[in-house]
Amino acid sequence: MLEQQTESSLLQGIAARVCWWQPASETLTDTPLFLCRVMTFGTWDDASFCLDRFGRDAFRGALRSAPPGLLDARSWHYWHHRLGLLPVPELPVRAIPA
């Protein structure tokens, strides 16, 4: 029980750091988006904890469905290499209506 509470509080803390503009509980409702934010804004410890908690497949899925404009080029390339998703595709781009 204590381990589960600790894990929950760690996730809440990470969510609060990577998505400071909304409640952590709301951030954690969309796991792929949360993981993309961890890949962009998280610390090494945040990413390591989340990799252990959610697994490489969840990170791969999040990266494949990353919304345009969220990941910077450095994070995009790093995580593709780290997760073995090669060759690295182009960054998703926002479509601006004409």
C-alpha atoms as a PDB file:
ATOM      1  CA  MET A   1       0.000   0.000   0.000  1.00  0.00           C
ATOM      2  CA  LEU A   2       2.809   2.424   0.880  1.00  0.00           C
ATOM      3  CA  GLU A   3       4.573   1.672  -2.412  1.00  0.00           C
ATOM      4  CA  GLN A   4       1.370   2.452  -4.343  1.00  0.00           C
ATOM      5  CA  GLN A   5       0.940   5.760  -2.476  1.00  0.00           C
ATOM      6  CA  THR A   6       4.548   6.675  -3.183  1.00  0.00           C
ATOM      7  CA  GLU A   7       4.156   5.857  -6.875  1.00  0.00           C
ATOM      8  CA  SER A   8       0.980   7.910  -7.045  1.00  0.00           C
ATOM      9  CA  SER A   9       2.589  10.895  -5.318  1.00  0.00           C
ATOM     10  CA  LEU A  10       5.635  10.656  -7.616  1.00  0.00           C
ATOM     11  CA  LEU A  11       3.368  10.660 -10.678  1.00  0.00           C
ATOM     12  CA  GLN A  12       1.432  13.615  -9.295  1.00  0.00           C
ATOM     13  CA  GLY A  13       4.698  15.516  -8.781  1.00  0.00           C
ATOM     14  CA  ILE A  14       5.958  14.759 -12.275  1.00  0.00           C
ATOM     15  CA  ALA A  15       2.603  15.746 -13.784  1.00  0.00           C
ATOM     16  CA  ALA A  16       2.669  19.033 -11.867  1.00  0.00           C
ATOM     17  CA  ARG A  17       6.158  19.825 -13.212  1.00  0.00           C
ATOM     18  CA  VAL A  18       5.632  18.907 -16.861  1.00  0.00           C
ATOM     19  CA  CYS A  19       2.182  20.443 -17.151  1.00  0.00           C
ATOM     20  CA  TRP A  20       2.104  23.235 -14.583  1.00  0.00           C
ATOM     21  CA  TRP A  21      -0.952  25.016 -16.046  1.00  0.00           C
ATOM     22  CA  GLN A  22      -3.509  22.371 -15.085  1.00  0.00           C
ATOM     23  CA  PRO A  23      -4.154  20.050 -12.144  1.00  0.00           C
ATOM     24  CA  ALA A  24      -1.907  16.982 -12.068  1.00  0.00           C
ATOM     25  CA  SER A  25      -4.956  14.717 -11.881  1.00  0.00           C
ATOM     26  CA  GLU A  26      -6.156  16.125 -15.204  1.00  0.00           C
ATOM     27  CA  THR A  27      -2.712  15.755 -16.803  1.00  0.00           C
ATOM     28  CA  LEU A  28      -2.606  12.079 -15.834  1.00  0.00           C
ATOM     29  CA  THR A  29      -5.926  11.276 -17.570  1.00  0.00           C
ATOM     30  CA  ASP A  30      -4.234  11.275 -21.007  1.00  0.00           C
ATOM     31  CA  THR A  31      -1.264   8.934 -20.668  1.00  0.00           C
ATOM     32  CA  PRO A  32       0.211   9.384 -24.180  1.00  0.00           C
ATOM     33  CA  LEU A  33       0.093  13.171 -23.906  1.00  0.00           C
ATOM     34  CA  PHE A  34       1.529  13.004 -20.383  1.00  0.00           C
ATOM     35  CA  LEU A  35       4.411  10.840 -21.628  1.00  0.00           C
ATOM     36  CA  CYS A  36       5.111  13.274 -24.482  1.00  0.00           C
ATOM     37  CA  ARG A  37       5.338  16.055 -21.931  1.00  0.00           C
ATOM     38  CA  VAL A  38       7.709  13.943 -19.822  1.00  0.00           C
ATOM     39  CA  MET A  39       9.862  13.386 -22.916  1.00  0.00           C
ATOM     40  CA  THR A  40       9.978  17.138 -23.523  1.00  0.00           C
ATOM     41  CA  PHE A  41       9.923  18.804 -20.100  1.00  0.00           C
ATOM     42  CA  GLY A  42      10.805  16.022 -17.661  1.00  0.00           C
ATOM     43  CA  THR A  43      14.074  15.446 -15.876  1.00  0.00           C
ATOM     44  CA  TRP A  44      16.166  12.330 -16.322  1.00  0.00           C
ATOM     45  CA  ASP A  45      14.660  10.950 -13.094  1.00  0.00           C
ATOM     46  CA  ASP A  46      11.117  11.739 -14.311  1.00  0.00           C
ATOM     47  CA  ALA A  47      11.707   9.913 -17.585  1.00  0.00           C
ATOM     48  CA  SER A  48      13.392   6.945 -15.883  1.00  0.00           C
ATOM     49  CA  PHE A  49      10.555   6.566 -13.387  1.00  0.00           C
ATOM     50  CA  CYS A  50       7.906   6.807 -16.114  1.00  0.00           C
ATOM     51  CA  LEU A  51       9.754   4.337 -18.349  1.00  0.00           C
ATOM     52  CA  ASP A  52       9.766   1.849 -15.486  1.00  0.00           C
ATOM     53  CA  ARG A  53       6.127   2.570 -14.653  1.00  0.00           C
ATOM     54  CA  PHE A  54       4.583   2.666 -18.150  1.00  0.00           C
ATOM     55  CA  GLY A  55       7.105   0.748 -20.267  1.00  0.00           C
ATOM     56  CA  ARG A  56       8.861   1.296 -23.571  1.00  0.00           C
ATOM     57  CA  ASP A  57       5.803   0.371 -25.635  1.00  0.00           C
ATOM     58  CA  ALA A  58       3.751   3.137 -24.010  1.00  0.00           C
ATOM     59  CA  PHE A  59       6.531   5.628 -24.758  1.00  0.00           C
ATOM     60  CA  ARG A  60       6.729   4.412 -28.366  1.00  0.00           C
ATOM     61  CA  GLY A  61       2.978   4.791 -28.771  1.00  0.00           C
ATOM     62  CA  ALA A  62       3.064   8.270 -27.262  1.00  0.00           C
ATOM     63  CA  LEU A  63       5.877   9.305 -29.579  1.00  0.00           C
ATOM     64  CA  ARG A  64       4.037   7.966 -32.619  1.00  0.00           C
ATOM     65  CA  SER A  65       0.940   9.969 -31.692  1.00  0.00           C
ATOM     66  CA  ALA A  66       2.731  13.125 -30.502  1.00  0.00           C
ATOM     67  CA  PRO A  67       0.789  16.266 -31.297  1.00  0.00           C
ATOM     68  CA  PRO A  68       2.504  18.832 -33.525  1.00  0.00           C
ATOM     69  CA  GLY A  69       4.483  21.464 -31.687  1.00  0.00           C
ATOM     70  CA  LEU A  70       4.904  19.605 -28.397  1.00  0.00           C
ATOM     71  CA  LEU A  71       8.307  17.951 -28.805  1.00  0.00           C
ATOM     72  CA  ASP A  72      11.331  20.003 -29.777  1.00  0.00           C
ATOM     73  CA  ALA A  73      13.762  18.629 -32.387  1.00  0.00           C
ATOM     74  CA  ARG A  74      16.326  17.538 -29.792  1.00  0.00           C
ATOM     75  CA  SER A  75      13.787  15.546 -27.742  1.00  0.00           C
ATOM     76  CA  TRP A  76      12.201  14.117 -30.900  1.00  0.00           C
ATOM     77  CA  HIS A  77      15.514  12.738 -32.146  1.00  0.00           C
ATOM     78  CA  TYR A  78      16.736  11.575 -28.741  1.00  0.00           C
ATOM     79  CA  TRP A  79      13.596   9.596 -27.938  1.00  0.00           C
ATOM     80  CA  HIS A  80      13.381   8.005 -31.361  1.00  0.00           C
ATOM     81  CA  HIS A  81      16.956   6.765 -30.976  1.00  0.00           C
ATOM     82  CA  ARG A  82      16.449   5.786 -27.321  1.00  0.00           C
ATOM     83  CA  LEU A  83      13.349   3.744 -28.185  1.00  0.00           C
ATOM     84  CA  GLY A  84      14.761   2.222 -31.381  1.00  0.00           C
ATOM     85  CA  LEU A  85      12.278   3.930 -33.708  1.00  0.00           C
ATOM     86  CA  LEU A  86      14.552   4.416 -36.681  1.00  0.00           C
ATOM     87  CA  PRO A  87      14.797   6.065 -39.095  1.00  0.00           C
ATOM     88  CA  VAL A  88      13.653   9.197 -37.286  1.00  0.00           C
ATOM     89  CA  PRO A  89      10.648  10.683 -39.092  1.00  0.00           C
ATOM     90  CA  GLU A  90      10.108  14.390 -39.595  1.00  0.00           C
ATOM     91  CA  LEU A  91       8.688  16.298 -36.648  1.00  0.00           C
ATOM     92  CA  PRO A  92       4.900  16.617 -36.796  1.00  0.00           C
ATOM     93  CA  VAL A  93       3.915  20.059 -38.025  1.00  0.00           C
ATOM     94  CA  ARG A  94       0.883  22.142 -37.272  1.00  0.00           C
ATOM     95  CA  ALA A  95      -1.511  22.747 -40.107  1.00  0.00           C
ATOM     96  CA  ILE A  96      -2.369  26.438 -40.224  1.00  0.00           C
ATOM     97  CA  PRO A  97      -5.645  27.009 -42.048  1.00  0.00           C
ATOM     98  CA  ALA A  98      -5.464  29.431 -44.929  1.00  0.00           C
END
